[in-house]
Amino acid sequence: MLVTGGAGFIGSNFVRRLVSGHYPGFGDVEVVVLDKLTYAGTRTSLESVLDDPRVRFVHGDIRDADTLDEVLSGVSVVVHCAAETHVDRSIADGSDFVTTNVNGTFTLLDRSLRAGVRKFVHVSTDEVYGDIGTGAWDESDALEPNSPYSASKGASDLIVRAFHKTYGLPVNITRCCNNYGPFQFPEKLLPLFITNLLDGETVPLYGDGTNVREWIHVDDHCDGIALVALEGAPGRRYNIGASKGMTNEQITGMLLETMGADWSRVRYVEDRKGHDRRYAVDFSLIRRELGYRPRIDFRSGLEETVRWYTERRDWWEPLKHRMAVTAENGA
């Protein structure tokens, strides 16, 4: 198996669960982890598995066809997690999002087709659907992305679909709601808020705090990816969700309560440009076809996540320092 972006948040959690035997359907699969190690990727997220003889780490770029030809040799399954993902960064400069998420995905598809890959799982996002006032998107809904990030992911989804329709490459696309859990880069909402609170700082809440998101623990998301990789019907798209929709203000309140803080630690900041008001996914298809069920209750998952960040300053402090240096340099 090739896991792209395997040193990032979702990719590293998937690799650790795969190697530790959570997915017996894959047996003792050998895993090639390909990661460019941008600001959001770090080998320390894989420290528990890098010494395993079944794991090979390759520092490389999905846009590099020669590297892909090397790592795809003998690969049956590709789980494609590599992407630029942070909406705020895409608003500031979307160029890397297009070259990585669109061009990189095309190159990976092209070389996977040439290598005879038997399953290609493209890990996407619910953000490709855009804003929804009521109800929930299902897999047949149109893509109406509203940020450069989500537009680049929507474009990559369509390229993946085209490789199935045109060339017969066995593909699946997964679209998941907001993830949280250990090893998430501290620019995202929950790890940013947790680490700020641990450091005695305030937390920045966008706008009026009423934007609604659904939240799923990364382990539940990875379990859904594994099910799709093993049993997903070729060409099928699968939403992955947890039916836990909350406003950002509600999330903040739960986090403050968990960490023994109060609302004096919150500062409301100017809203993000083009900020989608509400996301919600209907994931009945993956429940019905593959028997998927999320297992981790949000409150218990949040408490576990807070404990992890409290205990793992050695992991996140260097990353926050890197963020601060980058901001000072105007990058």
Protein backbone atom coordinates (compact mmCIF):
# COMPACT_ATOMS: atom_id res chain seq x y z
CA MET A 1 0.00 0.00 0.00
CA LEU A 2 1.11 3.53 -0.75
CA VAL A 3 -0.12 6.21 1.67
CA THR A 4 0.56 9.72 0.39
CA GLY A 5 0.73 12.47 2.98
CA GLY A 6 1.40 9.75 5.53
CA ALA A 7 3.29 12.08 7.88
CA GLY A 8 0.32 14.42 8.16
CA PHE A 9 -2.61 14.28 10.55
CA ILE A 10 -5.03 11.86 8.89
CA GLY A 11 -2.35 9.96 6.99
CA SER A 12 -0.18 9.24 10.02
CA ASN A 13 -3.16 8.10 12.09
CA PHE A 14 -4.17 5.78 9.25
CA VAL A 15 -0.65 4.33 8.97
CA ARG A 16 -0.33 3.77 12.72
CA ARG A 17 -3.70 1.99 12.87
CA LEU A 18 -2.88 -0.08 9.80
CA VAL A 19 0.49 -1.24 11.11
CA SER A 20 -0.86 -1.95 14.61
CA GLY A 21 -3.38 -4.45 13.21
CA HIS A 22 -6.66 -2.52 13.39
CA TYR A 23 -7.49 -3.60 9.83
CA PRO A 24 -7.04 -7.40 9.64
CA GLY A 25 -8.41 -7.39 6.10
CA PHE A 26 -5.05 -6.02 4.98
CA GLY A 27 -3.04 -8.63 6.87
CA ASP A 28 0.66 -7.81 7.16
CA VAL A 29 0.60 -5.37 4.29
CA GLU A 30 3.80 -3.52 3.47
CA VAL A 31 3.34 0.24 3.58
CA VAL A 32 5.19 2.92 1.64
CA VAL A 33 4.68 6.37 3.18
CA LEU A 34 5.29 9.23 0.76
CA ASP A 35 5.39 12.72 2.21
CA LYS A 36 6.96 16.01 1.12
CA LEU A 37 7.29 17.08 4.79
CA THR A 38 5.91 20.55 4.30
CA TYR A 39 5.23 22.68 7.39
CA ALA A 40 2.32 20.40 8.40
CA GLY A 41 4.07 17.06 7.97
CA THR A 42 6.56 15.64 10.45
CA ARG A 43 8.26 12.26 10.83
CA THR A 44 7.64 12.48 14.58
CA SER A 45 4.00 11.61 13.87
CA LEU A 46 5.25 8.21 12.66
CA GLU A 47 7.85 7.59 15.36
CA SER A 48 6.01 4.54 16.71
CA VAL A 49 6.05 2.69 13.36
CA LEU A 50 9.14 3.82 11.43
CA ASP A 51 11.23 0.96 12.82
CA ASP A 52 8.68 -1.62 11.67
CA PRO A 53 10.15 -3.62 8.74
CA ARG A 54 6.82 -3.36 6.92
CA VAL A 55 7.06 0.46 6.73
CA ARG A 56 9.21 2.40 4.29
CA PHE A 57 9.29 6.19 4.42
CA VAL A 58 10.06 8.17 1.27
CA HIS A 59 10.60 11.92 1.36
CA GLY A 60 9.08 13.04 -1.92
CA ASP A 61 6.47 15.02 -3.82
CA ILE A 62 3.33 13.65 -5.48
CA ARG A 63 4.01 16.06 -8.37
CA ASP A 64 7.27 14.22 -9.20
CA ALA A 65 6.49 11.45 -11.70
CA ASP A 66 9.89 9.79 -11.33
CA THR A 67 9.46 9.48 -7.56
CA LEU A 68 5.97 8.08 -8.06
CA ASP A 69 7.20 5.47 -10.53
CA GLU A 70 9.70 4.30 -7.91
CA VAL A 71 7.31 4.13 -4.96
CA LEU A 72 4.41 2.62 -6.92
CA SER A 73 6.37 -0.44 -7.96
CA GLY A 74 4.50 -3.43 -6.54
CA VAL A 75 1.75 -1.30 -4.97
CA SER A 76 -1.82 -2.64 -5.11
CA VAL A 77 -3.64 0.03 -3.10
CA VAL A 78 -3.13 3.79 -2.95
CA VAL A 79 -4.62 5.82 -0.10
CA HIS A 80 -4.19 9.43 -1.18
CA CYS A 81 -4.15 11.78 1.81
CA ALA A 82 -1.53 14.26 0.56
CA ALA A 83 -2.99 17.75 0.20
CA GLU A 84 -2.74 21.37 1.18
CA THR A 85 -5.70 21.73 3.53
CA HIS A 86 -5.85 24.96 5.54
CA VAL A 87 -8.58 27.33 4.31
CA ASP A 88 -6.97 30.49 5.69
CA ARG A 89 -3.70 29.73 3.89
CA SER A 90 -5.59 29.13 0.65
CA ILE A 91 -7.27 32.53 0.96
CA ALA A 92 -3.90 34.22 1.47
CA ASP A 93 -2.29 32.35 -1.46
CA GLY A 94 -4.00 29.52 -3.31
CA SER A 95 -1.18 28.64 -5.71
CA ASP A 96 0.21 25.70 -3.70
CA PHE A 97 -3.31 24.34 -3.32
CA VAL A 98 -3.78 24.16 -7.08
CA THR A 99 -0.36 22.66 -7.86
CA THR A 100 -0.51 20.07 -5.06
CA ASN A 101 -4.19 19.18 -4.87
CA VAL A 102 -4.96 19.35 -8.59
CA ASN A 103 -1.71 18.79 -10.50
CA GLY A 104 -0.32 16.43 -7.87
CA THR A 105 -3.46 14.30 -7.83
CA PHE A 106 -3.45 14.11 -11.63
CA THR A 107 0.18 12.96 -11.67
CA LEU A 108 -0.49 10.38 -8.97
CA LEU A 109 -3.50 9.04 -10.88
CA ASP A 110 -1.55 8.87 -14.13
CA ARG A 111 1.35 6.95 -12.61
CA SER A 112 -1.00 4.70 -10.60
CA LEU A 113 -2.78 3.76 -13.82
CA ARG A 114 0.55 2.91 -15.49
CA ALA A 115 1.62 0.88 -12.43
CA GLY A 116 -1.54 -1.27 -12.48
CA VAL A 117 -2.86 -0.15 -9.08
CA ARG A 118 -5.97 -2.17 -8.14
CA LYS A 119 -7.59 0.40 -5.81
CA PHE A 120 -7.13 4.15 -5.51
CA VAL A 121 -8.80 5.85 -2.53
CA HIS A 122 -8.91 9.62 -2.74
CA VAL A 123 -9.42 11.26 0.67
CA SER A 124 -11.45 14.43 0.10
CA THR A 125 -13.61 16.72 2.24
CA ASP A 126 -17.23 17.71 2.82
CA GLU A 127 -16.20 21.29 2.00
CA VAL A 128 -16.42 20.53 -1.73
CA TYR A 129 -20.21 20.68 -1.43
CA GLY A 130 -20.20 24.28 -0.20
CA ASP A 131 -22.69 25.80 2.23
CA ILE A 132 -25.97 24.11 3.20
CA GLY A 133 -28.73 25.83 5.15
CA THR A 134 -30.74 22.77 6.22
CA GLY A 135 -30.57 19.04 5.70
CA ALA A 136 -27.42 17.19 4.63
CA TRP A 137 -25.54 16.54 1.42
CA ASP A 138 -25.51 13.09 -0.10
CA GLU A 139 -22.99 11.80 -2.61
CA SER A 140 -25.09 12.82 -5.62
CA ASP A 141 -25.20 16.52 -4.71
CA ALA A 142 -23.41 19.04 -6.89
CA LEU A 143 -20.03 20.45 -5.91
CA GLU A 144 -20.20 24.15 -5.04
CA PRO A 145 -16.93 24.92 -3.20
CA ASN A 146 -16.42 28.44 -1.87
CA SER A 147 -12.73 28.68 -0.90
CA PRO A 148 -9.59 28.13 -2.99
CA TYR A 149 -8.88 25.09 -0.79
CA SER A 150 -12.26 23.44 -1.30
CA ALA A 151 -12.26 24.35 -5.00
CA SER A 152 -8.90 22.62 -5.45
CA LYS A 153 -10.21 19.52 -3.66
CA GLY A 154 -13.39 19.56 -5.76
CA ALA A 155 -11.29 19.75 -8.91
CA SER A 156 -9.20 16.79 -7.78
CA ASP A 157 -12.39 14.82 -7.05
CA LEU A 158 -13.51 15.35 -10.64
CA ILE A 159 -10.15 14.25 -12.02
CA VAL A 160 -10.32 11.09 -9.91
CA ARG A 161 -13.80 10.39 -11.29
CA ALA A 162 -12.57 10.97 -14.84
CA PHE A 163 -9.77 8.40 -14.44
CA HIS A 164 -12.39 5.83 -13.48
CA LYS A 165 -14.82 6.70 -16.26
CA THR A 166 -12.19 7.09 -18.99
CA TYR A 167 -9.50 4.57 -18.08
CA GLY A 168 -11.28 2.16 -15.75
CA LEU A 169 -8.99 2.87 -12.78
CA PRO A 170 -10.75 1.41 -9.70
CA VAL A 171 -11.21 4.51 -7.56
CA ASN A 172 -13.17 5.65 -4.54
CA ILE A 173 -13.64 9.13 -3.16
CA THR A 174 -14.29 9.72 0.54
CA ARG A 175 -15.67 13.02 1.79
CA CYS A 176 -15.44 13.50 5.54
CA CYS A 177 -16.52 16.15 8.01
CA ASN A 178 -14.15 18.01 10.39
CA ASN A 179 -11.58 15.76 12.04
CA TYR A 180 -10.03 16.09 15.48
CA GLY A 181 -7.67 14.02 17.62
CA PRO A 182 -3.97 13.46 18.32
CA PHE A 183 -1.23 14.63 15.95
CA GLN A 184 -3.29 17.40 14.33
CA PHE A 185 -1.20 20.38 13.27
CA PRO A 186 -1.82 23.26 15.70
CA GLU A 187 -3.16 25.75 13.16
CA LYS A 188 -6.50 23.94 13.09
CA LEU A 189 -9.30 25.05 15.43
CA LEU A 190 -9.20 22.44 18.19
CA PRO A 191 -5.41 21.98 18.55
CA LEU A 192 -4.89 25.73 18.25
CA PHE A 193 -7.42 26.42 21.00
CA ILE A 194 -6.12 23.60 23.22
CA THR A 195 -2.48 24.61 22.95
CA ASN A 196 -3.28 28.31 23.41
CA LEU A 197 -5.19 27.53 26.57
CA LEU A 198 -2.36 25.32 27.83
CA ASP A 199 0.01 28.24 27.29
CA GLY A 200 -2.25 30.71 29.10
CA GLU A 201 -3.22 32.55 25.93
CA THR A 202 -6.61 33.53 24.51
CA VAL A 203 -8.35 31.73 21.66
CA PRO A 204 -9.56 33.49 18.46
CA LEU A 205 -13.19 32.74 17.57
CA TYR A 206 -14.29 33.78 14.08
CA GLY A 207 -17.25 36.12 13.59
CA ASP A 208 -20.22 35.48 15.86
CA GLY A 209 -19.23 31.84 16.46
CA THR A 210 -22.42 30.40 14.93
CA ASN A 211 -20.85 28.58 11.98
CA VAL A 212 -21.86 24.91 12.18
CA ARG A 213 -19.55 21.97 11.56
CA GLU A 214 -19.80 18.24 12.11
CA TRP A 215 -16.95 16.61 14.04
CA ILE A 216 -15.49 13.12 13.86
CA HIS A 217 -12.54 11.59 15.68
CA VAL A 218 -9.71 10.86 13.26
CA ASP A 219 -9.71 7.18 14.26
CA ASP A 220 -13.33 6.85 13.15
CA HIS A 221 -12.47 8.58 9.88
CA CYS A 222 -9.52 6.26 9.29
CA ASP A 223 -11.72 3.24 9.97
CA GLY A 224 -14.07 4.49 7.26
CA ILE A 225 -11.18 4.92 4.82
CA ALA A 226 -10.03 1.36 5.52
CA LEU A 227 -13.54 -0.01 4.88
CA VAL A 228 -13.71 1.82 1.56
CA ALA A 229 -10.23 0.62 0.57
CA LEU A 230 -11.21 -2.97 1.32
CA GLU A 231 -14.82 -3.13 0.18
CA GLY A 232 -15.82 0.07 -1.61
CA ALA A 233 -17.51 -0.44 -4.98
CA PRO A 234 -15.28 0.86 -7.81
CA GLY A 235 -16.21 4.40 -8.82
CA ARG A 236 -18.31 5.01 -5.72
CA ARG A 237 -18.17 8.15 -3.58
CA TYR A 238 -18.72 7.76 0.17
CA ASN A 239 -19.50 10.49 2.71
CA ILE A 240 -18.04 9.80 6.16
CA GLY A 241 -19.67 11.54 9.11
CA ALA A 242 -20.67 11.33 12.74
CA SER A 243 -23.95 13.30 12.90
CA LYS A 244 -22.49 15.65 15.51
CA GLY A 245 -23.21 19.16 14.26
CA MET A 246 -22.26 22.03 16.58
CA THR A 247 -21.53 25.71 16.30
CA ASN A 248 -17.97 26.88 16.79
CA GLU A 249 -19.23 28.68 19.89
CA GLN A 250 -20.61 25.42 21.32
CA ILE A 251 -17.33 23.66 20.59
CA THR A 252 -15.44 26.46 22.32
CA GLY A 253 -17.70 26.23 25.35
CA MET A 254 -17.16 22.48 25.68
CA LEU A 255 -13.42 22.94 25.38
CA LEU A 256 -13.36 25.68 28.02
CA GLU A 257 -15.34 23.46 30.37
CA THR A 258 -13.04 20.49 29.75
CA MET A 259 -9.94 22.58 30.43
CA GLY A 260 -11.33 24.50 33.43
CA ALA A 261 -11.27 27.87 31.66
CA ASP A 262 -13.94 30.55 31.15
CA TRP A 263 -15.08 32.90 28.40
CA SER A 264 -12.58 35.59 29.41
CA ARG A 265 -10.07 33.47 27.46
CA VAL A 266 -12.01 33.95 24.20
CA ARG A 267 -11.56 36.86 21.79
CA TYR A 268 -13.92 37.28 18.86
CA VAL A 269 -12.06 38.13 15.65
CA GLU A 270 -13.06 39.30 12.18
CA ASP A 271 -14.75 36.53 10.25
CA ARG A 272 -12.94 34.62 7.50
CA LYS A 273 -13.64 35.73 3.92
CA GLY A 274 -16.35 33.63 2.31
CA HIS A 275 -16.84 31.63 5.51
CA ASP A 276 -19.36 28.83 4.87
CA ARG A 277 -22.13 28.93 7.43
CA ARG A 278 -22.99 25.24 7.78
CA TYR A 279 -21.79 21.82 6.64
CA ALA A 280 -23.61 18.52 7.09
CA VAL A 281 -23.20 15.15 5.37
CA ASP A 282 -25.59 12.25 4.93
CA PHE A 283 -23.42 9.16 5.41
CA SER A 284 -26.18 6.57 5.13
CA LEU A 285 -24.58 5.06 2.01
CA ILE A 286 -21.40 3.89 3.77
CA ARG A 287 -23.50 2.66 6.72
CA ARG A 288 -25.79 0.69 4.44
CA GLU A 289 -23.22 -0.73 2.02
CA LEU A 290 -20.17 -1.23 4.24
CA GLY A 291 -21.59 -1.35 7.78
CA TYR A 292 -19.72 1.77 8.90
CA ARG A 293 -20.43 3.19 12.37
CA PRO A 294 -18.46 5.91 14.17
CA ARG A 295 -17.52 4.69 17.66
CA ILE A 296 -16.09 7.64 19.59
CA ASP A 297 -18.43 9.98 21.43
CA PHE A 298 -17.41 13.60 20.88
CA ARG A 299 -17.14 14.59 24.53
CA SER A 300 -14.98 11.61 25.48
CA GLY A 301 -12.93 12.07 22.33
CA LEU A 302 -12.40 15.73 23.15
CA GLU A 303 -11.27 14.89 26.68
CA GLU A 304 -8.82 12.31 25.33
CA THR A 305 -7.52 14.82 22.78
CA VAL A 306 -6.94 17.45 25.49
CA ARG A 307 -5.01 14.87 27.54
CA TRP A 308 -2.87 13.99 24.54
CA TYR A 309 -1.87 17.61 23.84
CA THR A 310 -1.28 18.18 27.54
CA GLU A 311 1.15 15.26 27.62
CA ARG A 312 2.78 15.76 24.21
CA ARG A 313 4.29 19.25 24.32
CA ASP A 314 7.37 17.62 22.81
CA TRP A 315 5.33 17.08 19.63
CA TRP A 316 3.44 20.34 19.22
CA GLU A 317 5.69 23.02 20.72
CA PRO A 318 8.29 22.81 17.89
CA LEU A 319 5.47 23.06 15.35
CA LYS A 320 3.97 26.16 16.97
CA HIS A 321 7.44 27.70 17.11
CA ARG A 322 7.78 27.01 13.38
CA MET A 323 4.38 28.67 12.80
CA ALA A 324 5.47 31.77 14.72
CA VAL A 325 8.73 32.07 12.82
CA THR A 326 6.91 31.69 9.52
CA ALA A 327 4.41 34.41 10.49
CA GLU A 328 7.21 36.77 11.53
CA ASN A 329 8.88 36.27 8.17
CA GLY A 330 5.64 37.04 6.37
CA ALA A 331 5.47 33.65 4.66
